[in-house]
Amino acid sequence: MDKKYEIIIFWSSEDDAYIAEVPELPGCMADGKTYQEALGNAERIIEEWIETATRLNKPIPQPKGRLAYA
């Protein structure tokens, strides 16, 4: 499976951290004190999300690439 999911990273003043969301995988998000840390954590969480879905026999969405927002 191709694991090239879009990751959206933004600064959260409330959390005092960068937040990384993976919109194509419901509930898949991570954080980090730096942009790079949030990205690395998101990459690891994507793997864990897929492993969990596989173990639970749940569908795993194919990456769509760049998402479009209105």
PDB file of N, CA and C in Angstrom:
ATOM      1  N   MET A   1       0.838  -1.189   0.000  1.00  0.00           N
ATOM      2  CA  MET A   1       0.000   0.000   0.000  1.00  0.00           C
ATOM      3  C   MET A   1       0.878   1.246   0.000  1.00  0.00           C
ATOM      4  N   ASP A   2       0.488   2.188  -0.808  1.00  0.00           N
ATOM      5  CA  ASP A   2       1.154   3.479  -0.880  1.00  0.00           C
ATOM      6  C   ASP A   2       0.759   4.302   0.344  1.00  0.00           C
ATOM      7  N   LYS A   3       1.732   4.857   1.060  1.00  0.00           N
ATOM      8  CA  LYS A   3       1.440   5.577   2.298  1.00  0.00           C
ATOM      9  C   LYS A   3       1.742   7.061   2.169  1.00  0.00           C
ATOM     10  N   LYS A   4       1.404   7.640   1.042  1.00  0.00           N
ATOM     11  CA  LYS A   4       1.695   9.056   0.797  1.00  0.00           C
ATOM     12  C   LYS A   4       0.468   9.906   1.103  1.00  0.00           C
ATOM     13  N   TYR A   5       0.102   9.942   2.374  1.00  0.00           N
ATOM     14  CA  TYR A   5      -1.059  10.711   2.799  1.00  0.00           C
ATOM     15  C   TYR A   5      -0.677  12.167   3.035  1.00  0.00           C
ATOM     16  N   GLU A   6      -1.625  13.042   2.744  1.00  0.00           N
ATOM     17  CA  GLU A   6      -1.414  14.464   2.999  1.00  0.00           C
ATOM     18  C   GLU A   6      -1.373  14.700   4.507  1.00  0.00           C
ATOM     19  N   ILE A   7      -0.426  15.524   4.948  1.00  0.00           N
ATOM     20  CA  ILE A   7      -0.296  15.910   6.355  1.00  0.00           C
ATOM     21  C   ILE A   7      -0.388  17.431   6.416  1.00  0.00           C
ATOM     22  N   ILE A   8      -1.309  17.921   7.229  1.00  0.00           N
ATOM     23  CA  ILE A   8      -1.470  19.364   7.417  1.00  0.00           C
ATOM     24  C   ILE A   8      -0.885  19.708   8.782  1.00  0.00           C
ATOM     25  N   ILE A   9       0.066  20.640   8.801  1.00  0.00           N
ATOM     26  CA  ILE A   9       0.735  21.021  10.049  1.00  0.00           C
ATOM     27  C   ILE A   9       0.467  22.487  10.319  1.00  0.00           C
ATOM     28  N   PHE A  10       0.067  22.773  11.566  1.00  0.00           N
ATOM     29  CA  PHE A  10      -0.184  24.159  11.966  1.00  0.00           C
ATOM     30  C   PHE A  10       0.219  24.347  13.422  1.00  0.00           C
ATOM     31  N   TRP A  11       0.459  25.616  13.799  1.00  0.00           N
ATOM     32  CA  TRP A  11       0.810  25.959  15.177  1.00  0.00           C
ATOM     33  C   TRP A  11      -0.464  26.140  15.988  1.00  0.00           C
ATOM     34  N   SER A  12      -0.511  25.552  17.172  1.00  0.00           N
ATOM     35  CA  SER A  12      -1.634  25.708  18.091  1.00  0.00           C
ATOM     36  C   SER A  12      -1.148  26.423  19.339  1.00  0.00           C
ATOM     37  N   SER A  13      -1.578  27.670  19.501  1.00  0.00           N
ATOM     38  CA  SER A  13      -1.217  28.425  20.710  1.00  0.00           C
ATOM     39  C   SER A  13      -1.816  27.763  21.945  1.00  0.00           C
ATOM     40  N   GLU A  14      -3.013  27.224  21.787  1.00  0.00           N
ATOM     41  CA  GLU A  14      -3.691  26.566  22.902  1.00  0.00           C
ATOM     42  C   GLU A  14      -2.884  25.384  23.435  1.00  0.00           C
ATOM     43  N   ASP A  15      -2.290  24.615  22.519  1.00  0.00           N
ATOM     44  CA  ASP A  15      -1.502  23.441  22.899  1.00  0.00           C
ATOM     45  C   ASP A  15      -0.018  23.763  23.048  1.00  0.00           C
ATOM     46  N   ASP A  16       0.394  24.957  22.603  1.00  0.00           N
ATOM     47  CA  ASP A  16       1.799  25.360  22.607  1.00  0.00           C
ATOM     48  C   ASP A  16       2.646  24.324  21.869  1.00  0.00           C
ATOM     49  N   ALA A  17       2.125  23.894  20.712  1.00  0.00           N
ATOM     50  CA  ALA A  17       2.803  22.866  19.921  1.00  0.00           C
ATOM     51  C   ALA A  17       2.318  22.930  18.482  1.00  0.00           C
ATOM     52  N   TYR A  18       3.086  22.310  17.597  1.00  0.00           N
ATOM     53  CA  TYR A  18       2.645  22.114  16.222  1.00  0.00           C
ATOM     54  C   TYR A  18       1.721  20.901  16.204  1.00  0.00           C
ATOM     55  N   ILE A  19       0.635  21.001  15.451  1.00  0.00           N
ATOM     56  CA  ILE A  19      -0.320  19.907  15.308  1.00  0.00           C
ATOM     57  C   ILE A  19      -0.247  19.413  13.867  1.00  0.00           C
ATOM     58  N   ALA A  20      -0.173  18.101  13.709  1.00  0.00           N
ATOM     59  CA  ALA A  20      -0.133  17.485  12.380  1.00  0.00           C
ATOM     60  C   ALA A  20      -1.376  16.613  12.222  1.00  0.00           C
ATOM     61  N   GLU A  21      -2.205  16.953  11.244  1.00  0.00           N
ATOM     62  CA  GLU A  21      -3.429  16.199  10.984  1.00  0.00           C
ATOM     63  C   GLU A  21      -3.297  15.442   9.664  1.00  0.00           C
ATOM     64  N   VAL A  22      -3.888  14.260   9.625  1.00  0.00           N
ATOM     65  CA  VAL A  22      -3.920  13.443   8.409  1.00  0.00           C
ATOM     66  C   VAL A  22      -5.398  13.285   8.043  1.00  0.00           C
ATOM     67  N   PRO A  23      -5.932  14.209   7.228  1.00  0.00           N
ATOM     68  CA  PRO A  23      -7.374  14.250   6.974  1.00  0.00           C
ATOM     69  C   PRO A  23      -7.983  12.975   6.392  1.00  0.00           C
ATOM     70  N   GLU A  24      -7.207  12.221   5.649  1.00  0.00           N
ATOM     71  CA  GLU A  24      -7.747  11.021   4.996  1.00  0.00           C
ATOM     72  C   GLU A  24      -7.882   9.828   5.945  1.00  0.00           C
ATOM     73  N   LEU A  25      -7.257   9.927   7.124  1.00  0.00           N
ATOM     74  CA  LEU A  25      -7.326   8.842   8.109  1.00  0.00           C
ATOM     75  C   LEU A  25      -8.017   9.389   9.355  1.00  0.00           C
ATOM     76  N   PRO A  26      -9.291   9.086   9.545  1.00  0.00           N
ATOM     77  CA  PRO A  26     -10.060   9.659  10.643  1.00  0.00           C
ATOM     78  C   PRO A  26      -9.386   9.511  12.007  1.00  0.00           C
ATOM     79  N   GLY A  27      -9.250  10.635  12.701  1.00  0.00           N
ATOM     80  CA  GLY A  27      -8.667  10.639  14.034  1.00  0.00           C
ATOM     81  C   GLY A  27      -7.159  10.564  14.063  1.00  0.00           C
ATOM     82  N   CYS A  28      -6.518  10.562  12.909  1.00  0.00           N
ATOM     83  CA  CYS A  28      -5.060  10.429  12.839  1.00  0.00           C
ATOM     84  C   CYS A  28      -4.415  11.804  12.938  1.00  0.00           C
ATOM     85  N   MET A  29      -3.787  12.062  14.080  1.00  0.00           N
ATOM     86  CA  MET A  29      -3.086  13.333  14.274  1.00  0.00           C
ATOM     87  C   MET A  29      -1.977  13.143  15.293  1.00  0.00           C
ATOM     88  N   ALA A  30      -1.046  14.082  15.273  1.00  0.00           N
ATOM     89  CA  ALA A  30       0.096  14.040  16.180  1.00  0.00           C
ATOM     90  C   ALA A  30       0.484  15.472  16.503  1.00  0.00           C
ATOM     91  N   ASP A  31       1.418  15.630  17.431  1.00  0.00           N
ATOM     92  CA  ASP A  31       1.905  16.969  17.751  1.00  0.00           C
ATOM     93  C   ASP A  31       3.404  16.912  17.975  1.00  0.00           C
ATOM     94  N   GLY A  32       3.990  18.085  18.174  1.00  0.00           N
ATOM     95  CA  GLY A  32       5.417  18.179  18.435  1.00  0.00           C
ATOM     96  C   GLY A  32       5.795  19.595  18.793  1.00  0.00           C
ATOM     97  N   LYS A  33       6.868  19.740  19.538  1.00  0.00           N
ATOM     98  CA  LYS A  33       7.353  21.078  19.918  1.00  0.00           C
ATOM     99  C   LYS A  33       7.952  21.823  18.725  1.00  0.00           C
ATOM    100  N   THR A  34       8.391  21.072  17.700  1.00  0.00           N
ATOM    101  CA  THR A  34       8.907  21.686  16.473  1.00  0.00           C
ATOM    102  C   THR A  34       8.123  21.138  15.290  1.00  0.00           C
ATOM    103  N   TYR A  35       8.215  21.843  14.179  1.00  0.00           N
ATOM    104  CA  TYR A  35       7.556  21.409  12.945  1.00  0.00           C
ATOM    105  C   TYR A  35       8.052  20.011  12.558  1.00  0.00           C
ATOM    106  N   GLN A  36       9.373  19.825  12.616  1.00  0.00           N
ATOM    107  CA  GLN A  36       9.973  18.552  12.232  1.00  0.00           C
ATOM    108  C   GLN A  36       9.539  17.426  13.161  1.00  0.00           C
ATOM    109  N   GLU A  37       9.419  17.716  14.452  1.00  0.00           N
ATOM    110  CA  GLU A  37       8.984  16.700  15.403  1.00  0.00           C
ATOM    111  C   GLU A  37       7.528  16.296  15.126  1.00  0.00           C
ATOM    112  N   ALA A  38       6.675  17.283  14.844  1.00  0.00           N
ATOM    113  CA  ALA A  38       5.273  16.986  14.526  1.00  0.00           C
ATOM    114  C   ALA A  38       5.176  16.131  13.267  1.00  0.00           C
ATOM    115  N   LEU A  39       5.980  16.449  12.252  1.00  0.00           N
ATOM    116  CA  LEU A  39       5.980  15.674  11.012  1.00  0.00           C
ATOM    117  C   LEU A  39       6.435  14.237  11.261  1.00  0.00           C
ATOM    118  N   GLY A  40       7.530  14.079  11.999  1.00  0.00           N
ATOM    119  CA  GLY A  40       8.024  12.729  12.316  1.00  0.00           C
ATOM    120  C   GLY A  40       7.015  11.926  13.110  1.00  0.00           C
ATOM    121  N   ASN A  41       6.374  12.570  14.078  1.00  0.00           N
ATOM    122  CA  ASN A  41       5.357  11.887  14.874  1.00  0.00           C
ATOM    123  C   ASN A  41       4.165  11.497  14.009  1.00  0.00           C
ATOM    124  N   ALA A  42       3.778  12.360  13.074  1.00  0.00           N
ATOM    125  CA  ALA A  42       2.658  12.048  12.177  1.00  0.00           C
ATOM    126  C   ALA A  42       2.995  10.848  11.298  1.00  0.00           C
ATOM    127  N   GLU A  43       4.208  10.789  10.795  1.00  0.00           N
ATOM    128  CA  GLU A  43       4.606   9.650   9.968  1.00  0.00           C
ATOM    129  C   GLU A  43       4.517   8.344  10.750  1.00  0.00           C
ATOM    130  N   ARG A  44       4.929   8.381  12.005  1.00  0.00           N
ATOM    131  CA  ARG A  44       4.850   7.187  12.852  1.00  0.00           C
ATOM    132  C   ARG A  44       3.391   6.832  13.156  1.00  0.00           C
ATOM    133  N   ILE A  45       2.573   7.844  13.422  1.00  0.00           N
ATOM    134  CA  ILE A  45       1.162   7.603  13.740  1.00  0.00           C
ATOM    135  C   ILE A  45       0.413   7.047  12.525  1.00  0.00           C
ATOM    136  N   ILE A  46       0.776   7.477  11.317  1.00  0.00           N
ATOM    137  CA  ILE A  46       0.174   6.903  10.110  1.00  0.00           C
ATOM    138  C   ILE A  46       0.431   5.398  10.077  1.00  0.00           C
ATOM    139  N   GLU A  47       1.655   4.995  10.332  1.00  0.00           N
ATOM    140  CA  GLU A  47       1.995   3.570  10.351  1.00  0.00           C
ATOM    141  C   GLU A  47       1.158   2.833  11.398  1.00  0.00           C
ATOM    142  N   GLU A  48       1.055   3.429  12.599  1.00  0.00           N
ATOM    143  CA  GLU A  48       0.294   2.795  13.674  1.00  0.00           C
ATOM    144  C   GLU A  48      -1.196   2.734  13.335  1.00  0.00           C
ATOM    145  N   TRP A  49      -1.717   3.787  12.696  1.00  0.00           N
ATOM    146  CA  TRP A  49      -3.126   3.822  12.300  1.00  0.00           C
ATOM    147  C   TRP A  49      -3.406   2.666  11.335  1.00  0.00           C
ATOM    148  N   ILE A  50      -2.522   2.504  10.354  1.00  0.00           N
ATOM    149  CA  ILE A  50      -2.691   1.444   9.349  1.00  0.00           C
ATOM    150  C   ILE A  50      -2.559   0.059   9.992  1.00  0.00           C
ATOM    151  N   GLU A  51      -1.590  -0.108  10.887  1.00  0.00           N
ATOM    152  CA  GLU A  51      -1.420  -1.388  11.575  1.00  0.00           C
ATOM    153  C   GLU A  51      -2.676  -1.741  12.380  1.00  0.00           C
ATOM    154  N   THR A  52      -3.232  -0.757  13.087  1.00  0.00           N
ATOM    155  CA  THR A  52      -4.433  -0.991  13.893  1.00  0.00           C
ATOM    156  C   THR A  52      -5.627  -1.333  13.008  1.00  0.00           C
ATOM    157  N   ALA A  53      -5.813  -0.577  11.925  1.00  0.00           N
ATOM    158  CA  ALA A  53      -6.922  -0.849  11.009  1.00  0.00           C
ATOM    159  C   ALA A  53      -6.787  -2.240  10.406  1.00  0.00           C
ATOM    160  N   THR A  54      -5.587  -2.629  10.058  1.00  0.00           N
ATOM    161  CA  THR A  54      -5.342  -3.962   9.498  1.00  0.00           C
ATOM    162  C   THR A  54      -5.691  -5.033  10.516  1.00  0.00           C
ATOM    163  N   ARG A  55      -5.233  -4.847  11.749  1.00  0.00           N
ATOM    164  CA  ARG A  55      -5.504  -5.827  12.809  1.00  0.00           C
ATOM    165  C   ARG A  55      -7.005  -5.964  13.084  1.00  0.00           C
ATOM    166  N   LEU A  56      -7.740  -4.838  12.982  1.00  0.00           N
ATOM    167  CA  LEU A  56      -9.182  -4.848  13.237  1.00  0.00           C
ATOM    168  C   LEU A  56     -10.002  -5.150  11.986  1.00  0.00           C
ATOM    169  N   ASN A  57      -9.291  -5.434  10.882  1.00  0.00           N
ATOM    170  CA  ASN A  57      -9.935  -5.741   9.607  1.00  0.00           C
ATOM    171  C   ASN A  57     -10.831  -4.594   9.119  1.00  0.00           C
ATOM    172  N   LYS A  58     -10.362  -3.368   9.315  1.00  0.00           N
ATOM    173  CA  LYS A  58     -11.079  -2.163   8.878  1.00  0.00           C
ATOM    174  C   LYS A  58     -10.493  -1.686   7.551  1.00  0.00           C
ATOM    175  N   PRO A  59     -11.289  -1.001   6.740  1.00  0.00           N
ATOM    176  CA  PRO A  59     -10.770  -0.501   5.461  1.00  0.00           C
ATOM    177  C   PRO A  59      -9.723   0.599   5.667  1.00  0.00           C
ATOM    178  N   ILE A  60      -8.753   0.598   4.780  1.00  0.00           N
ATOM    179  CA  ILE A  60      -7.690   1.614   4.804  1.00  0.00           C
ATOM    180  C   ILE A  60      -7.819   2.434   3.529  1.00  0.00           C
ATOM    181  N   PRO A  61      -8.126   3.725   3.670  1.00  0.00           N
ATOM    182  CA  PRO A  61      -8.278   4.568   2.480  1.00  0.00           C
ATOM    183  C   PRO A  61      -6.985   4.672   1.679  1.00  0.00           C
ATOM    184  N   GLN A  62      -7.120   4.662   0.372  1.00  0.00           N
ATOM    185  CA  GLN A  62      -5.966   4.919  -0.496  1.00  0.00           C
ATOM    186  C   GLN A  62      -5.660   6.414  -0.444  1.00  0.00           C
ATOM    187  N   PRO A  63      -4.386   6.796  -0.420  1.00  0.00           N
ATOM    188  CA  PRO A  63      -4.056   8.223  -0.441  1.00  0.00           C
ATOM    189  C   PRO A  63      -4.564   8.876  -1.720  1.00  0.00           C
ATOM    190  N   LYS A  64      -5.135  10.049  -1.584  1.00  0.00           N
ATOM    191  CA  LYS A  64      -5.639  10.783  -2.736  1.00  0.00           C
ATOM    192  C   LYS A  64      -4.665  11.858  -3.189  1.00  0.00           C
ATOM    193  N   GLY A  65      -3.620  12.056  -2.407  1.00  0.00           N
ATOM    194  CA  GLY A  65      -2.688  13.133  -2.739  1.00  0.00           C
ATOM    195  C   GLY A  65      -3.202  14.447  -2.222  1.00  0.00           C
ATOM    196  N   ARG A  66      -2.905  15.478  -2.910  1.00  0.00           N
ATOM    197  CA  ARG A  66      -3.268  16.823  -2.460  1.00  0.00           C
ATOM    198  C   ARG A  66      -4.778  16.987  -2.417  1.00  0.00           C
ATOM    199  N   LEU A  67      -5.280  17.386  -1.256  1.00  0.00           N
ATOM    200  CA  LEU A  67      -6.709  17.599  -1.082  1.00  0.00           C
ATOM    201  C   LEU A  67      -7.063  19.026  -1.483  1.00  0.00           C
ATOM    202  N   ALA A  68      -8.272  19.231  -1.901  1.00  0.00           N
ATOM    203  CA  ALA A  68      -8.747  20.572  -2.280  1.00  0.00           C
ATOM    204  C   ALA A  68      -9.712  21.068  -1.218  1.00  0.00           C
ATOM    205  N   TYR A  69      -9.521  22.299  -0.822  1.00  0.00           N
ATOM    206  CA  TYR A  69     -10.391  22.913   0.185  1.00  0.00           C
ATOM    207  C   TYR A  69     -11.059  24.131  -0.410  1.00  0.00           C
ATOM    208  N   ALA A  70     -12.310  24.367  -0.017  1.00  0.00           N
ATOM    209  CA  ALA A  70     -13.058  25.517  -0.515  1.00  0.00           C
ATOM    210  C   ALA A  70     -12.849  26.709   0.387  1.00  0.00           C
TER     211      ALA A  70
END
